[in-house]
N, C-alpha and C. Protein backbone atom coordinates (compact mmCIF):
# COMPACT_ATOMS: atom_id res chain seq x y z
N MET A 1 7.43 2.14 14.09
CA MET A 1 6.46 1.65 13.14
C MET A 1 7.19 1.33 11.83
N LYS A 2 6.93 0.17 11.29
CA LYS A 2 7.55 -0.26 10.06
C LYS A 2 7.03 0.58 8.89
N THR A 3 7.94 1.01 8.01
CA THR A 3 7.57 1.81 6.84
C THR A 3 8.28 1.23 5.62
N TYR A 4 7.51 1.07 4.55
CA TYR A 4 8.05 0.60 3.28
C TYR A 4 8.05 1.75 2.29
N GLU A 5 9.07 1.79 1.42
CA GLU A 5 9.19 2.86 0.43
C GLU A 5 9.12 2.29 -0.98
N TYR A 6 8.37 2.99 -1.84
CA TYR A 6 8.23 2.61 -3.24
C TYR A 6 8.38 3.89 -4.06
N THR A 7 9.27 3.91 -5.06
CA THR A 7 9.52 5.15 -5.80
C THR A 7 9.36 4.96 -7.30
N ASN A 8 8.99 6.07 -7.95
CA ASN A 8 8.97 6.09 -9.42
C ASN A 8 10.12 6.95 -9.94
N GLY A 9 11.01 7.36 -9.06
CA GLY A 9 12.14 8.18 -9.42
C GLY A 9 11.91 9.67 -9.15
N GLU A 10 10.67 10.09 -9.05
CA GLU A 10 10.33 11.48 -8.75
C GLU A 10 9.74 11.63 -7.36
N VAL A 11 8.81 10.77 -7.03
CA VAL A 11 8.19 10.77 -5.71
C VAL A 11 8.31 9.37 -5.11
N THR A 12 8.30 9.33 -3.81
CA THR A 12 8.37 8.06 -3.10
C THR A 12 7.14 7.92 -2.23
N ILE A 13 6.46 6.79 -2.40
CA ILE A 13 5.31 6.47 -1.56
C ILE A 13 5.81 5.76 -0.31
N LEU A 14 5.38 6.24 0.83
CA LEU A 14 5.68 5.58 2.10
C LEU A 14 4.43 4.86 2.56
N TRP A 15 4.55 3.58 2.89
CA TRP A 15 3.41 2.79 3.34
C TRP A 15 3.69 2.25 4.74
N LYS A 16 2.78 2.55 5.66
CA LYS A 16 2.87 2.06 7.04
C LYS A 16 1.75 1.04 7.23
N PRO A 17 2.07 -0.25 7.13
CA PRO A 17 1.03 -1.28 7.17
C PRO A 17 0.22 -1.30 8.46
N GLU A 18 0.82 -0.90 9.59
CA GLU A 18 0.08 -0.93 10.86
C GLU A 18 -1.06 0.09 10.88
N LYS A 19 -0.94 1.15 10.07
CA LYS A 19 -1.97 2.18 10.02
C LYS A 19 -3.05 1.87 8.98
N CYS A 20 -2.76 0.94 8.08
CA CYS A 20 -3.64 0.67 6.95
C CYS A 20 -4.94 0.01 7.42
N ILE A 21 -6.08 0.60 7.01
CA ILE A 21 -7.38 0.04 7.37
C ILE A 21 -8.00 -0.74 6.22
N HIS A 22 -7.23 -0.90 5.13
CA HIS A 22 -7.64 -1.70 3.97
C HIS A 22 -8.99 -1.26 3.41
N SER A 23 -9.14 0.04 3.25
CA SER A 23 -10.40 0.57 2.72
C SER A 23 -10.52 0.34 1.22
N GLY A 24 -9.42 0.11 0.55
CA GLY A 24 -9.45 -0.15 -0.89
C GLY A 24 -9.47 1.09 -1.75
N VAL A 25 -9.38 2.27 -1.14
CA VAL A 25 -9.38 3.52 -1.91
C VAL A 25 -8.22 3.49 -2.91
N CYS A 26 -7.06 3.06 -2.50
CA CYS A 26 -5.90 3.05 -3.38
C CYS A 26 -6.09 2.11 -4.56
N VAL A 27 -6.60 0.92 -4.29
CA VAL A 27 -6.79 -0.07 -5.35
C VAL A 27 -7.83 0.39 -6.36
N ARG A 28 -8.90 0.98 -5.88
CA ARG A 28 -9.95 1.47 -6.80
C ARG A 28 -9.48 2.67 -7.61
N ALA A 29 -8.66 3.53 -7.02
CA ALA A 29 -8.20 4.73 -7.70
C ALA A 29 -7.15 4.42 -8.76
N LEU A 30 -6.18 3.57 -8.43
CA LEU A 30 -5.09 3.24 -9.35
C LEU A 30 -4.79 1.74 -9.32
N PRO A 31 -5.66 0.93 -9.91
CA PRO A 31 -5.45 -0.53 -9.86
C PRO A 31 -4.18 -0.98 -10.56
N GLN A 32 -3.67 -0.18 -11.50
CA GLN A 32 -2.43 -0.55 -12.17
C GLN A 32 -1.22 -0.38 -11.25
N VAL A 33 -1.37 0.42 -10.19
CA VAL A 33 -0.29 0.68 -9.24
C VAL A 33 -0.40 -0.23 -8.02
N TYR A 34 -1.61 -0.37 -7.49
CA TYR A 34 -1.83 -1.10 -6.24
C TYR A 34 -2.50 -2.44 -6.52
N ASN A 35 -1.78 -3.51 -6.27
CA ASN A 35 -2.32 -4.85 -6.45
C ASN A 35 -1.88 -5.71 -5.27
N PRO A 36 -2.76 -5.89 -4.28
CA PRO A 36 -2.39 -6.63 -3.07
C PRO A 36 -2.02 -8.10 -3.31
N LYS A 37 -2.35 -8.62 -4.47
CA LYS A 37 -2.02 -10.03 -4.77
C LYS A 37 -0.62 -10.20 -5.32
N GLU A 38 0.05 -9.10 -5.65
CA GLU A 38 1.40 -9.16 -6.21
C GLU A 38 2.42 -8.65 -5.21
N ARG A 39 3.68 -8.97 -5.43
CA ARG A 39 4.77 -8.46 -4.62
C ARG A 39 5.82 -7.89 -5.54
N PRO A 40 6.28 -6.67 -5.39
CA PRO A 40 5.72 -5.73 -4.44
C PRO A 40 4.31 -5.33 -4.84
N TRP A 41 3.51 -4.99 -3.88
CA TRP A 41 2.10 -4.70 -4.18
C TRP A 41 1.89 -3.27 -4.66
N ILE A 42 2.88 -2.40 -4.47
CA ILE A 42 2.82 -1.02 -4.97
C ILE A 42 3.86 -0.87 -6.07
N LYS A 43 3.40 -0.46 -7.26
CA LYS A 43 4.29 -0.26 -8.40
C LYS A 43 4.10 1.17 -8.92
N PRO A 44 4.76 2.14 -8.28
CA PRO A 44 4.54 3.55 -8.61
C PRO A 44 4.97 3.93 -10.02
N GLU A 45 5.81 3.14 -10.64
CA GLU A 45 6.24 3.45 -12.00
C GLU A 45 5.10 3.31 -13.02
N LYS A 46 3.97 2.78 -12.59
CA LYS A 46 2.83 2.58 -13.49
C LYS A 46 1.84 3.74 -13.48
N ALA A 47 2.24 4.87 -12.90
CA ALA A 47 1.38 6.06 -12.88
C ALA A 47 2.28 7.29 -12.86
N THR A 48 1.69 8.42 -13.19
CA THR A 48 2.44 9.67 -13.14
C THR A 48 2.58 10.13 -11.69
N SER A 49 3.54 11.00 -11.47
CA SER A 49 3.73 11.54 -10.12
C SER A 49 2.49 12.31 -9.67
N GLU A 50 1.84 13.00 -10.59
CA GLU A 50 0.62 13.74 -10.26
C GLU A 50 -0.50 12.78 -9.86
N GLN A 51 -0.66 11.68 -10.58
CA GLN A 51 -1.68 10.69 -10.22
C GLN A 51 -1.41 10.11 -8.84
N LEU A 52 -0.15 9.80 -8.56
CA LEU A 52 0.21 9.24 -7.26
C LEU A 52 -0.05 10.23 -6.14
N THR A 53 0.32 11.49 -6.36
CA THR A 53 0.11 12.53 -5.35
C THR A 53 -1.38 12.69 -5.04
N ASP A 54 -2.19 12.73 -6.09
CA ASP A 54 -3.64 12.87 -5.90
C ASP A 54 -4.22 11.68 -5.15
N GLN A 55 -3.79 10.48 -5.50
CA GLN A 55 -4.33 9.28 -4.87
C GLN A 55 -3.90 9.17 -3.41
N VAL A 56 -2.64 9.40 -3.12
CA VAL A 56 -2.14 9.29 -1.75
C VAL A 56 -2.87 10.28 -0.84
N ALA A 57 -3.22 11.43 -1.36
CA ALA A 57 -3.96 12.43 -0.57
C ALA A 57 -5.34 11.92 -0.16
N GLN A 58 -5.85 10.90 -0.84
CA GLN A 58 -7.17 10.35 -0.53
C GLN A 58 -7.13 9.21 0.49
N CYS A 59 -5.95 8.79 0.92
CA CYS A 59 -5.84 7.67 1.86
C CYS A 59 -6.51 8.05 3.19
N PRO A 60 -7.57 7.33 3.58
CA PRO A 60 -8.32 7.72 4.77
C PRO A 60 -7.59 7.47 6.10
N SER A 61 -6.65 6.54 6.12
CA SER A 61 -5.99 6.19 7.37
C SER A 61 -4.66 6.89 7.58
N GLY A 62 -4.11 7.46 6.52
CA GLY A 62 -2.77 8.04 6.62
C GLY A 62 -1.67 7.00 6.48
N ALA A 63 -2.02 5.78 6.08
CA ALA A 63 -1.04 4.74 5.92
C ALA A 63 -0.12 5.02 4.73
N LEU A 64 -0.63 5.77 3.75
CA LEU A 64 0.16 6.17 2.59
C LEU A 64 0.52 7.65 2.72
N SER A 65 1.78 7.96 2.46
CA SER A 65 2.21 9.35 2.42
C SER A 65 3.30 9.45 1.36
N LEU A 66 3.73 10.67 1.07
CA LEU A 66 4.73 10.89 0.05
C LEU A 66 5.99 11.51 0.62
N LYS A 67 7.10 11.15 0.03
CA LYS A 67 8.39 11.78 0.30
C LYS A 67 8.89 12.27 -1.05
N LYS A 68 9.10 13.57 -1.19
CA LYS A 68 9.54 14.13 -2.49
C LYS A 68 11.00 14.47 -2.47
């Protein structure tokens, strides 16, 4: 399964597009980080590590996870 990594220097977000159900939870929670119209679409440097950790924990499909 393809996995993409995005880091803010403290935590790394792992995104597995095949698992993503596009529920929009990530975009609604942190629109400054997640913007599907831009590339890269995840910009973790625009939020704190705590905000990212909290948001990733809400991903309903498990497409987003963290590597610390």
